[in-house]
Amino acid sequence: MPTSEESVCCQEIEKVASEIPENFTCITSNQLFHIMCLDQRIANIHYVMITNQPIQEDLSLHHRNLRRTAYRSFTSWIHGFLGKGVRIAIPSCAVAAVREAYPDPKGNYVGFVKMRDYCAMDMAFDF
């Protein structure tokens, strides 16, 4: 992964490590990870539920949507509800598995994007 924030092992995150199956060393060995993030039928259902949008015909766009959906599913599974705009980088092994399951034909991927910082004046009126 291109940044140190993205280059994190699943064993380094306590909430993720607690979901690693006994006698395994990686979260990608968890059956629920495969169901929630890598099973395209489940990812399609999650995508429609999250976005209220139909499945895209364009394979590149569809895979991009499924990657985002898988990342959201992973985050919800491990961390629960974080709140609007709260983002947490997921382990690089999970990102690699999702990218392998839903590849971009040109190999173009977007890394972890932090929440944008707002102007202090705008934040003063956020309730």
N, C-alpha and C. Protein backbone atom coordinates (compact mmCIF):
# COMPACT_ATOMS: atom_id res chain seq x y z
N MET A 1 0.84 -1.17 0.00
CA MET A 1 0.00 0.00 0.00
C MET A 1 0.89 1.25 0.00
N PRO A 2 0.44 2.31 -0.64
CA PRO A 2 1.30 3.48 -0.83
C PRO A 2 1.63 4.30 0.41
N THR A 3 0.78 4.31 1.42
CA THR A 3 1.05 5.13 2.60
C THR A 3 1.18 4.25 3.84
N SER A 4 1.82 4.80 4.87
CA SER A 4 1.98 4.03 6.11
C SER A 4 0.63 3.78 6.78
N GLU A 5 -0.30 4.70 6.62
CA GLU A 5 -1.63 4.52 7.21
C GLU A 5 -2.36 3.34 6.58
N GLU A 6 -2.11 3.10 5.29
CA GLU A 6 -2.75 1.99 4.58
C GLU A 6 -1.98 0.69 4.75
N SER A 7 -0.72 0.77 5.06
CA SER A 7 0.14 -0.41 5.18
C SER A 7 0.10 -0.96 6.59
N VAL A 8 -1.06 -1.43 6.98
CA VAL A 8 -1.23 -1.95 8.33
C VAL A 8 -1.65 -3.41 8.26
N CYS A 9 -1.07 -4.21 9.13
CA CYS A 9 -1.38 -5.64 9.21
C CYS A 9 -2.64 -5.83 10.05
N CYS A 10 -3.44 -6.80 9.68
CA CYS A 10 -4.68 -7.07 10.43
C CYS A 10 -4.40 -7.45 11.88
N GLN A 11 -3.23 -7.99 12.15
CA GLN A 11 -2.89 -8.38 13.52
C GLN A 11 -2.55 -7.18 14.40
N GLU A 12 -2.31 -6.02 13.78
CA GLU A 12 -1.96 -4.81 14.52
C GLU A 12 -3.19 -4.04 15.03
N ILE A 13 -4.37 -4.42 14.56
CA ILE A 13 -5.60 -3.74 14.95
C ILE A 13 -6.38 -4.68 15.86
N GLU A 14 -6.54 -4.30 17.11
CA GLU A 14 -7.13 -5.20 18.11
C GLU A 14 -8.49 -5.75 17.70
N LYS A 15 -9.37 -4.88 17.21
CA LYS A 15 -10.72 -5.33 16.83
C LYS A 15 -10.67 -6.31 15.66
N VAL A 16 -9.73 -6.12 14.76
CA VAL A 16 -9.59 -7.04 13.62
C VAL A 16 -8.95 -8.34 14.09
N ALA A 17 -7.90 -8.23 14.86
CA ALA A 17 -7.19 -9.42 15.34
C ALA A 17 -8.11 -10.36 16.11
N SER A 18 -9.08 -9.80 16.82
CA SER A 18 -10.00 -10.64 17.59
C SER A 18 -10.92 -11.47 16.70
N GLU A 19 -11.01 -11.12 15.43
CA GLU A 19 -11.85 -11.86 14.48
C GLU A 19 -11.05 -12.87 13.64
N ILE A 20 -9.74 -12.91 13.83
CA ILE A 20 -8.92 -13.87 13.09
C ILE A 20 -9.18 -15.26 13.68
N PRO A 21 -9.55 -16.22 12.83
CA PRO A 21 -9.85 -17.56 13.35
C PRO A 21 -8.65 -18.20 14.04
N GLU A 22 -8.94 -19.04 15.01
CA GLU A 22 -7.90 -19.78 15.72
C GLU A 22 -7.09 -20.59 14.72
N ASN A 23 -5.80 -20.67 14.93
CA ASN A 23 -4.85 -21.39 14.06
C ASN A 23 -4.64 -20.72 12.70
N PHE A 24 -5.08 -19.47 12.56
CA PHE A 24 -4.83 -18.70 11.34
C PHE A 24 -4.14 -17.40 11.73
N THR A 25 -3.55 -16.74 10.74
CA THR A 25 -2.80 -15.52 11.03
C THR A 25 -3.35 -14.28 10.32
N CYS A 26 -4.46 -14.44 9.58
CA CYS A 26 -4.95 -13.31 8.78
C CYS A 26 -6.48 -13.26 8.79
N ILE A 27 -7.00 -12.06 8.80
CA ILE A 27 -8.45 -11.85 8.79
C ILE A 27 -9.09 -12.41 7.52
N THR A 28 -8.32 -12.48 6.44
CA THR A 28 -8.88 -13.00 5.19
C THR A 28 -9.19 -14.49 5.28
N SER A 29 -8.77 -15.14 6.35
CA SER A 29 -9.10 -16.55 6.58
C SER A 29 -10.45 -16.71 7.27
N ASN A 30 -11.03 -15.62 7.71
CA ASN A 30 -12.32 -15.68 8.39
C ASN A 30 -13.42 -15.91 7.36
N GLN A 31 -14.28 -16.89 7.60
CA GLN A 31 -15.35 -17.22 6.67
C GLN A 31 -16.31 -16.04 6.48
N LEU A 32 -16.55 -15.29 7.55
CA LEU A 32 -17.44 -14.14 7.44
C LEU A 32 -16.84 -13.07 6.53
N PHE A 33 -15.53 -12.92 6.53
CA PHE A 33 -14.88 -11.98 5.61
C PHE A 33 -15.20 -12.38 4.17
N HIS A 34 -15.10 -13.67 3.87
CA HIS A 34 -15.39 -14.14 2.52
C HIS A 34 -16.84 -13.89 2.14
N ILE A 35 -17.74 -14.12 3.07
CA ILE A 35 -19.17 -13.92 2.79
C ILE A 35 -19.48 -12.43 2.63
N MET A 36 -19.05 -11.62 3.60
CA MET A 36 -19.40 -10.19 3.62
C MET A 36 -18.70 -9.37 2.54
N CYS A 37 -17.47 -9.73 2.22
CA CYS A 37 -16.66 -8.87 1.35
C CYS A 37 -16.36 -9.46 -0.02
N LEU A 38 -16.23 -10.77 -0.11
CA LEU A 38 -15.77 -11.36 -1.37
C LEU A 38 -16.84 -12.09 -2.16
N ASP A 39 -17.96 -12.43 -1.54
CA ASP A 39 -19.05 -13.10 -2.25
C ASP A 39 -19.81 -12.04 -3.05
N GLN A 40 -19.70 -12.11 -4.38
CA GLN A 40 -20.27 -11.07 -5.23
C GLN A 40 -21.79 -10.98 -5.09
N ARG A 41 -22.45 -12.07 -4.84
CA ARG A 41 -23.91 -12.01 -4.67
C ARG A 41 -24.27 -11.17 -3.45
N ILE A 42 -23.55 -11.37 -2.36
CA ILE A 42 -23.79 -10.60 -1.14
C ILE A 42 -23.38 -9.14 -1.35
N ALA A 43 -22.25 -8.93 -2.00
CA ALA A 43 -21.78 -7.56 -2.27
C ALA A 43 -22.79 -6.80 -3.14
N ASN A 44 -23.38 -7.48 -4.12
CA ASN A 44 -24.41 -6.84 -4.95
C ASN A 44 -25.61 -6.42 -4.11
N ILE A 45 -26.04 -7.30 -3.21
CA ILE A 45 -27.17 -6.97 -2.34
C ILE A 45 -26.82 -5.79 -1.44
N HIS A 46 -25.63 -5.81 -0.84
CA HIS A 46 -25.20 -4.70 0.02
C HIS A 46 -25.13 -3.40 -0.77
N TYR A 47 -24.62 -3.47 -2.00
CA TYR A 47 -24.51 -2.27 -2.83
C TYR A 47 -25.88 -1.64 -3.05
N VAL A 48 -26.85 -2.46 -3.45
CA VAL A 48 -28.20 -1.95 -3.71
C VAL A 48 -28.81 -1.38 -2.43
N MET A 49 -28.60 -2.07 -1.31
CA MET A 49 -29.16 -1.59 -0.03
C MET A 49 -28.52 -0.27 0.41
N ILE A 50 -27.21 -0.15 0.24
CA ILE A 50 -26.49 1.05 0.68
C ILE A 50 -26.80 2.25 -0.20
N THR A 51 -26.79 2.03 -1.52
CA THR A 51 -26.88 3.15 -2.45
C THR A 51 -28.28 3.41 -2.99
N ASN A 52 -29.14 2.42 -2.91
CA ASN A 52 -30.46 2.53 -3.52
C ASN A 52 -30.35 2.75 -5.03
N GLN A 53 -29.32 2.20 -5.62
CA GLN A 53 -29.05 2.34 -7.05
C GLN A 53 -29.00 0.96 -7.69
N PRO A 54 -29.33 0.87 -8.99
CA PRO A 54 -29.21 -0.42 -9.67
C PRO A 54 -27.75 -0.78 -9.93
N ILE A 55 -27.51 -2.05 -10.19
CA ILE A 55 -26.17 -2.54 -10.53
C ILE A 55 -25.76 -1.92 -11.87
N GLN A 56 -24.52 -1.46 -11.95
CA GLN A 56 -24.01 -0.84 -13.17
C GLN A 56 -23.68 -1.89 -14.24
N GLU A 57 -23.94 -1.56 -15.49
CA GLU A 57 -23.63 -2.45 -16.61
C GLU A 57 -22.12 -2.49 -16.87
N ASP A 58 -21.46 -1.34 -16.76
CA ASP A 58 -20.03 -1.24 -17.02
C ASP A 58 -19.26 -2.01 -15.95
N LEU A 59 -18.49 -3.03 -16.36
CA LEU A 59 -17.79 -3.90 -15.41
C LEU A 59 -16.79 -3.13 -14.54
N SER A 60 -16.06 -2.19 -15.15
CA SER A 60 -15.08 -1.42 -14.39
C SER A 60 -15.76 -0.62 -13.28
N LEU A 61 -16.84 0.05 -13.62
CA LEU A 61 -17.59 0.84 -12.64
C LEU A 61 -18.24 -0.07 -11.60
N HIS A 62 -18.77 -1.20 -12.06
CA HIS A 62 -19.41 -2.14 -11.15
C HIS A 62 -18.40 -2.68 -10.12
N HIS A 63 -17.22 -3.05 -10.58
CA HIS A 63 -16.20 -3.54 -9.66
C HIS A 63 -15.75 -2.44 -8.70
N ARG A 64 -15.66 -1.22 -9.18
CA ARG A 64 -15.30 -0.10 -8.29
C ARG A 64 -16.36 0.04 -7.18
N ASN A 65 -17.62 -0.04 -7.57
CA ASN A 65 -18.70 0.05 -6.59
C ASN A 65 -18.65 -1.11 -5.60
N LEU A 66 -18.33 -2.31 -6.10
CA LEU A 66 -18.25 -3.48 -5.21
C LEU A 66 -17.07 -3.37 -4.26
N ARG A 67 -15.95 -2.80 -4.71
CA ARG A 67 -14.82 -2.59 -3.80
C ARG A 67 -15.22 -1.65 -2.67
N ARG A 68 -15.85 -0.54 -3.01
CA ARG A 68 -16.29 0.41 -1.98
C ARG A 68 -17.29 -0.24 -1.03
N THR A 69 -18.19 -1.03 -1.59
CA THR A 69 -19.19 -1.73 -0.77
C THR A 69 -18.51 -2.72 0.17
N ALA A 70 -17.54 -3.47 -0.35
CA ALA A 70 -16.82 -4.44 0.48
C ALA A 70 -16.07 -3.75 1.61
N TYR A 71 -15.45 -2.60 1.31
CA TYR A 71 -14.73 -1.86 2.35
C TYR A 71 -15.71 -1.38 3.44
N ARG A 72 -16.87 -0.91 3.02
CA ARG A 72 -17.88 -0.46 3.99
C ARG A 72 -18.39 -1.63 4.83
N SER A 73 -18.62 -2.76 4.17
CA SER A 73 -19.09 -3.95 4.89
C SER A 73 -18.06 -4.39 5.92
N PHE A 74 -16.78 -4.39 5.52
CA PHE A 74 -15.71 -4.77 6.43
C PHE A 74 -15.68 -3.84 7.64
N THR A 75 -15.73 -2.55 7.38
CA THR A 75 -15.67 -1.56 8.46
C THR A 75 -16.86 -1.70 9.40
N SER A 76 -18.05 -1.91 8.85
CA SER A 76 -19.24 -2.08 9.69
C SER A 76 -19.15 -3.34 10.53
N TRP A 77 -18.65 -4.41 9.94
CA TRP A 77 -18.50 -5.68 10.65
C TRP A 77 -17.53 -5.54 11.83
N ILE A 78 -16.38 -4.94 11.57
CA ILE A 78 -15.33 -4.86 12.59
C ILE A 78 -15.59 -3.74 13.61
N HIS A 79 -15.98 -2.57 13.14
CA HIS A 79 -16.06 -1.39 14.01
C HIS A 79 -17.49 -0.97 14.36
N GLY A 80 -18.48 -1.52 13.68
CA GLY A 80 -19.85 -1.07 13.90
C GLY A 80 -20.06 0.29 13.24
N PHE A 81 -21.07 1.00 13.68
CA PHE A 81 -21.38 2.31 13.13
C PHE A 81 -20.35 3.33 13.62
N LEU A 82 -19.74 4.04 12.69
CA LEU A 82 -18.70 5.01 13.05
C LEU A 82 -19.23 6.44 13.09
N GLY A 83 -20.30 6.71 12.39
CA GLY A 83 -20.82 8.06 12.29
C GLY A 83 -20.53 8.62 10.90
N LYS A 84 -21.29 9.61 10.52
CA LYS A 84 -21.17 10.20 9.20
C LYS A 84 -19.78 10.79 8.99
N GLY A 85 -19.16 10.41 7.89
CA GLY A 85 -17.87 10.98 7.52
C GLY A 85 -16.67 10.42 8.26
N VAL A 86 -16.87 9.52 9.22
CA VAL A 86 -15.75 8.95 9.96
C VAL A 86 -15.17 7.81 9.13
N ARG A 87 -13.88 7.87 8.88
CA ARG A 87 -13.22 6.86 8.05
C ARG A 87 -12.07 6.23 8.81
N ILE A 88 -11.90 4.92 8.60
CA ILE A 88 -10.79 4.18 9.20
C ILE A 88 -10.18 3.32 8.10
N ALA A 89 -8.86 3.38 7.99
CA ALA A 89 -8.18 2.53 7.01
C ALA A 89 -8.35 1.07 7.42
N ILE A 90 -8.52 0.21 6.42
CA ILE A 90 -8.64 -1.22 6.71
C ILE A 90 -7.32 -1.90 6.38
N PRO A 91 -7.07 -3.06 6.95
CA PRO A 91 -5.78 -3.73 6.76
C PRO A 91 -5.47 -4.00 5.28
N SER A 92 -4.19 -3.93 4.96
CA SER A 92 -3.77 -4.10 3.57
C SER A 92 -4.11 -5.47 3.01
N CYS A 93 -4.14 -6.50 3.87
CA CYS A 93 -4.50 -7.84 3.39
C CYS A 93 -5.96 -7.87 2.93
N ALA A 94 -6.83 -7.17 3.64
CA ALA A 94 -8.25 -7.11 3.26
C ALA A 94 -8.41 -6.33 1.96
N VAL A 95 -7.69 -5.22 1.84
CA VAL A 95 -7.74 -4.42 0.61
C VAL A 95 -7.27 -5.26 -0.57
N ALA A 96 -6.17 -5.98 -0.41
CA ALA A 96 -5.63 -6.82 -1.49
C ALA A 96 -6.63 -7.90 -1.90
N ALA A 97 -7.29 -8.52 -0.94
CA ALA A 97 -8.26 -9.58 -1.24
C ALA A 97 -9.46 -9.00 -1.99
N VAL A 98 -9.92 -7.83 -1.59
CA VAL A 98 -11.06 -7.18 -2.25
C VAL A 98 -10.66 -6.77 -3.67
N ARG A 99 -9.47 -6.22 -3.83
CA ARG A 99 -9.01 -5.84 -5.17
C ARG A 99 -8.85 -7.05 -6.08
N GLU A 100 -8.46 -8.16 -5.52
CA GLU A 100 -8.34 -9.39 -6.32
C GLU A 100 -9.72 -9.91 -6.72
N ALA A 101 -10.69 -9.78 -5.84
CA ALA A 101 -12.05 -10.25 -6.12
C ALA A 101 -12.76 -9.37 -7.13
N TYR A 102 -12.51 -8.06 -7.06
CA TYR A 102 -13.17 -7.09 -7.93
C TYR A 102 -12.12 -6.20 -8.58
N PRO A 103 -11.35 -6.74 -9.52
CA PRO A 103 -10.22 -5.99 -10.08
C PRO A 103 -10.66 -4.87 -11.02
N ASP A 104 -9.83 -3.84 -11.07
CA ASP A 104 -9.99 -2.80 -12.07
C ASP A 104 -9.24 -3.25 -13.31
N PRO A 105 -9.88 -3.24 -14.48
CA PRO A 105 -9.21 -3.72 -15.70
C PRO A 105 -7.89 -3.01 -16.00
N LYS A 106 -7.78 -1.74 -15.61
CA LYS A 106 -6.56 -0.97 -15.88
C LYS A 106 -5.64 -0.90 -14.66
N GLY A 107 -6.02 -1.54 -13.57
CA GLY A 107 -5.20 -1.51 -12.37
C GLY A 107 -5.20 -0.19 -11.64
N ASN A 108 -6.22 0.63 -11.89
CA ASN A 108 -6.32 1.93 -11.22
C ASN A 108 -7.13 1.79 -9.94
N TYR A 109 -6.50 2.10 -8.82
CA TYR A 109 -7.17 1.99 -7.53
C TYR A 109 -6.98 3.27 -6.74
N VAL A 110 -7.98 3.61 -5.94
CA VAL A 110 -7.90 4.77 -5.05
C VAL A 110 -7.56 4.24 -3.67
N GLY A 111 -6.55 4.81 -3.07
CA GLY A 111 -6.17 4.40 -1.72
C GLY A 111 -7.10 5.02 -0.68
N PHE A 112 -6.71 4.89 0.57
CA PHE A 112 -7.50 5.43 1.67
C PHE A 112 -7.57 6.94 1.56
N VAL A 113 -8.79 7.47 1.64
CA VAL A 113 -9.01 8.91 1.58
C VAL A 113 -9.56 9.35 2.93
N LYS A 114 -8.83 10.26 3.57
CA LYS A 114 -9.28 10.77 4.88
C LYS A 114 -10.48 11.69 4.69
N MET A 115 -11.19 11.88 5.77
CA MET A 115 -12.30 12.82 5.78
C MET A 115 -11.75 14.20 5.49
N ARG A 116 -12.45 14.96 4.66
CA ARG A 116 -12.00 16.32 4.36
C ARG A 116 -12.15 17.21 5.59
N ASP A 117 -11.21 18.11 5.73
CA ASP A 117 -11.25 19.05 6.84
C ASP A 117 -12.14 20.22 6.44
N TYR A 118 -13.03 20.62 7.32
CA TYR A 118 -13.94 21.72 7.05
C TYR A 118 -13.37 23.02 7.59
N CYS A 119 -13.86 24.09 7.04
CA CYS A 119 -13.55 25.42 7.55
C CYS A 119 -14.11 25.51 8.97
N ALA A 120 -13.37 26.12 9.88
CA ALA A 120 -13.80 26.24 11.28
C ALA A 120 -15.16 26.92 11.39
N MET A 121 -15.42 27.88 10.54
CA MET A 121 -16.71 28.59 10.58
C MET A 121 -17.86 27.63 10.26
N ASP A 122 -17.66 26.75 9.28
CA ASP A 122 -18.69 25.77 8.93
C ASP A 122 -18.90 24.78 10.07
N MET A 123 -17.82 24.38 10.72
CA MET A 123 -17.91 23.40 11.81
C MET A 123 -18.66 23.98 13.01
N ALA A 124 -18.59 25.28 13.20
CA ALA A 124 -19.25 25.91 14.34
C ALA A 124 -20.76 25.73 14.28
N PHE A 125 -21.29 25.56 13.07
CA PHE A 125 -22.73 25.43 12.91
C PHE A 125 -23.18 24.00 12.70
N ASP A 126 -22.28 23.04 12.78
CA ASP A 126 -22.63 21.62 12.67
C ASP A 126 -23.15 21.12 14.01
N PHE A 127 -24.38 20.67 14.04
CA PHE A 127 -24.95 20.13 15.28
C PHE A 127 -25.41 18.74 15.06
